[in-house]
């Protein structure tokens, strides 16, 4: 499940995990809703950071960057845990097959 491109759609992740096909529409822009107003930006973090810089300043951008790092760390931890779980399940399956 990719985190970018067509596979970045969270609903697509769920449906893919359930084995369901989903026709996805791609789009280049999205609305960012902030108390200061609604801002049309390109999909992705770069232009969002520009909007954030403009309306909230450098401290908000720094906070956003820290959040991105933390989310990346959490995502990596979850993926690692799931990989270990999958490996354990595989080992358990192999052991049960060997006992037969």
C-alpha atoms as a PDB file:
ATOM      1  CA  UNK A   1       0.000   0.000   0.000  1.00  0.00           C
ATOM      2  CA  UNK A   2       1.740   3.065  -1.235  1.00  0.00           C
ATOM      3  CA  UNK A   3       1.739   6.301   0.694  1.00  0.00           C
ATOM      4  CA  UNK A   4       1.882   8.395  -2.442  1.00  0.00           C
ATOM      5  CA  UNK A   5       0.128   8.501  -5.782  1.00  0.00           C
ATOM      6  CA  UNK A   6      -3.100   6.614  -6.442  1.00  0.00           C
ATOM      7  CA  UNK A   7      -2.544   4.326  -3.464  1.00  0.00           C
ATOM      8  CA  UNK A   8      -2.348   7.226  -1.002  1.00  0.00           C
ATOM      9  CA  UNK A   9      -6.133   7.260  -0.600  1.00  0.00           C
ATOM     10  CA  UNK A  10      -6.883   5.971   2.942  1.00  0.00           C
ATOM     11  CA  UNK A  11     -10.172   4.428   1.845  1.00  0.00           C
ATOM     12  CA  UNK A  12      -8.302   2.625  -0.923  1.00  0.00           C
ATOM     13  CA  UNK A  13      -6.005   1.115   1.739  1.00  0.00           C
ATOM     14  CA  UNK A  14      -8.984  -0.309   3.631  1.00  0.00           C
ATOM     15  CA  UNK A  15     -10.692  -1.630   0.526  1.00  0.00           C
ATOM     16  CA  UNK A  16      -7.428  -3.065  -0.793  1.00  0.00           C
ATOM     17  CA  UNK A  17      -6.907  -4.879   2.515  1.00  0.00           C
ATOM     18  CA  UNK A  18     -10.418  -6.327   2.113  1.00  0.00           C
ATOM     19  CA  UNK A  19      -9.646  -7.415  -1.435  1.00  0.00           C
ATOM     20  CA  UNK A  20     -12.070  -4.937  -3.002  1.00  0.00           C
ATOM     21  CA  UNK A  21     -11.283  -3.005  -6.168  1.00  0.00           C
ATOM     22  CA  UNK A  22     -11.773   0.746  -6.199  1.00  0.00           C
ATOM     23  CA  UNK A  23     -11.686   3.135  -9.137  1.00  0.00           C
ATOM     24  CA  UNK A  24      -9.723   6.143  -7.904  1.00  0.00           C
ATOM     25  CA  UNK A  25      -9.906   9.680  -9.159  1.00  0.00           C
ATOM     26  CA  UNK A  26      -6.759  11.748  -8.951  1.00  0.00           C
ATOM     27  CA  UNK A  27      -6.681  15.438  -8.258  1.00  0.00           C
ATOM     28  CA  UNK A  28      -3.955  18.067  -8.160  1.00  0.00           C
ATOM     29  CA  UNK A  29      -5.395  20.552  -5.673  1.00  0.00           C
ATOM     30  CA  UNK A  30      -7.161  20.517  -2.329  1.00  0.00           C
ATOM     31  CA  UNK A  31      -8.625  23.102   0.006  1.00  0.00           C
ATOM     32  CA  UNK A  32      -6.840  23.775   3.272  1.00  0.00           C
ATOM     33  CA  UNK A  33      -9.311  25.056   5.862  1.00  0.00           C
ATOM     34  CA  UNK A  34      -7.730  27.232   8.544  1.00  0.00           C
ATOM     35  CA  UNK A  35      -9.280  29.825  10.855  1.00  0.00           C
ATOM     36  CA  UNK A  36      -7.619  32.459   8.646  1.00  0.00           C
ATOM     37  CA  UNK A  37      -9.497  31.237   5.585  1.00  0.00           C
ATOM     38  CA  UNK A  38      -9.665  28.593   2.879  1.00  0.00           C
ATOM     39  CA  UNK A  39      -6.583  28.137   0.719  1.00  0.00           C
ATOM     40  CA  UNK A  40      -6.368  26.151  -2.499  1.00  0.00           C
ATOM     41  CA  UNK A  41      -3.031  24.327  -2.642  1.00  0.00           C
ATOM     42  CA  UNK A  42      -1.469  21.529  -4.614  1.00  0.00           C
ATOM     43  CA  UNK A  43      -1.601  18.012  -3.216  1.00  0.00           C
ATOM     44  CA  UNK A  44       1.596  17.359  -1.274  1.00  0.00           C
ATOM     45  CA  UNK A  45       3.422  18.985   1.587  1.00  0.00           C
ATOM     46  CA  UNK A  46       5.455  21.644  -0.249  1.00  0.00           C
ATOM     47  CA  UNK A  47       2.767  24.156  -1.171  1.00  0.00           C
ATOM     48  CA  UNK A  48       0.944  23.497   2.127  1.00  0.00           C
ATOM     49  CA  UNK A  49       4.103  24.599   3.938  1.00  0.00           C
ATOM     50  CA  UNK A  50       4.075  27.787   1.858  1.00  0.00           C
ATOM     51  CA  UNK A  51       0.487  28.497   2.965  1.00  0.00           C
ATOM     52  CA  UNK A  52       1.342  27.651   6.560  1.00  0.00           C
ATOM     53  CA  UNK A  53       4.333  29.996   6.433  1.00  0.00           C
ATOM     54  CA  UNK A  54       2.174  32.767   5.022  1.00  0.00           C
ATOM     55  CA  UNK A  55      -0.692  32.536   7.525  1.00  0.00           C
ATOM     56  CA  UNK A  56       0.969  31.198  10.690  1.00  0.00           C
ATOM     57  CA  UNK A  57       4.681  31.914  10.318  1.00  0.00           C
ATOM     58  CA  UNK A  58       7.963  30.038  10.791  1.00  0.00           C
ATOM     59  CA  UNK A  59       7.067  28.556  14.186  1.00  0.00           C
ATOM     60  CA  UNK A  60       4.046  26.795  12.672  1.00  0.00           C
ATOM     61  CA  UNK A  61       6.194  25.468   9.829  1.00  0.00           C
ATOM     62  CA  UNK A  62       8.747  24.143  12.339  1.00  0.00           C
ATOM     63  CA  UNK A  63       5.954  22.503  14.347  1.00  0.00           C
ATOM     64  CA  UNK A  64       4.546  20.926  11.158  1.00  0.00           C
ATOM     65  CA  UNK A  65       7.987  19.566  10.239  1.00  0.00           C
ATOM     66  CA  UNK A  66       8.376  18.067  13.738  1.00  0.00           C
ATOM     67  CA  UNK A  67       4.948  16.455  13.393  1.00  0.00           C
ATOM     68  CA  UNK A  68       5.926  14.975  10.018  1.00  0.00           C
ATOM     69  CA  UNK A  69       9.067  13.462  11.546  1.00  0.00           C
ATOM     70  CA  UNK A  70       7.112  12.030  14.487  1.00  0.00           C
ATOM     71  CA  UNK A  71       4.416  10.563  12.231  1.00  0.00           C
ATOM     72  CA  UNK A  72       7.171   8.999  10.122  1.00  0.00           C
ATOM     73  CA  UNK A  73       8.723   7.461  13.224  1.00  0.00           C
ATOM     74  CA  UNK A  74       5.358   6.112  14.385  1.00  0.00           C
ATOM     75  CA  UNK A  75       4.609   4.713  10.929  1.00  0.00           C
ATOM     76  CA  UNK A  76       7.990   2.991  10.828  1.00  0.00           C
ATOM     77  CA  UNK A  77       7.370   1.491  14.279  1.00  0.00           C
ATOM     78  CA  UNK A  78       3.968   0.157  13.221  1.00  0.00           C
ATOM     79  CA  UNK A  79       5.379  -1.309  10.015  1.00  0.00           C
ATOM     80  CA  UNK A  80       8.195  -2.942  11.958  1.00  0.00           C
ATOM     81  CA  UNK A  81       5.730  -4.413  14.466  1.00  0.00           C
ATOM     82  CA  UNK A  82       3.504  -5.721  11.681  1.00  0.00           C
ATOM     83  CA  UNK A  83       6.491  -7.220   9.862  1.00  0.00           C
ATOM     84  CA  UNK A  84       7.507  -9.018  13.050  1.00  0.00           C
ATOM     85  CA  UNK A  85       3.944 -10.262  13.497  1.00  0.00           C
ATOM     86  CA  UNK A  86       3.842 -11.542   9.935  1.00  0.00           C
ATOM     87  CA  UNK A  87       7.213 -13.230  10.391  1.00  0.00           C
ATOM     88  CA  UNK A  88       6.068 -14.857  13.629  1.00  0.00           C
ATOM     89  CA  UNK A  89       2.887 -16.101  11.944  1.00  0.00           C
ATOM     90  CA  UNK A  90       4.979 -17.541   9.117  1.00  0.00           C
ATOM     91  CA  UNK A  91       7.345 -19.280  11.552  1.00  0.00           C
ATOM     92  CA  UNK A  92       4.405 -20.700  13.516  1.00  0.00           C
ATOM     93  CA  UNK A  93       2.844 -21.974  10.306  1.00  0.00           C
ATOM     94  CA  UNK A  94       6.110 -23.574   9.205  1.00  0.00           C
ATOM     95  CA  UNK A  95       6.523 -25.224  12.605  1.00  0.00           C
ATOM     96  CA  UNK A  96       2.993 -26.647  12.518  1.00  0.00           C
ATOM     97  CA  UNK A  97       3.605 -27.997   9.016  1.00  0.00           C
ATOM     98  CA  UNK A  98       6.875 -29.595  10.133  1.00  0.00           C
ATOM     99  CA  UNK A  99       5.095 -31.409  12.967  1.00  0.00           C
ATOM    100  CA  UNK A 100       2.691 -33.139  10.588  1.00  0.00           C
END
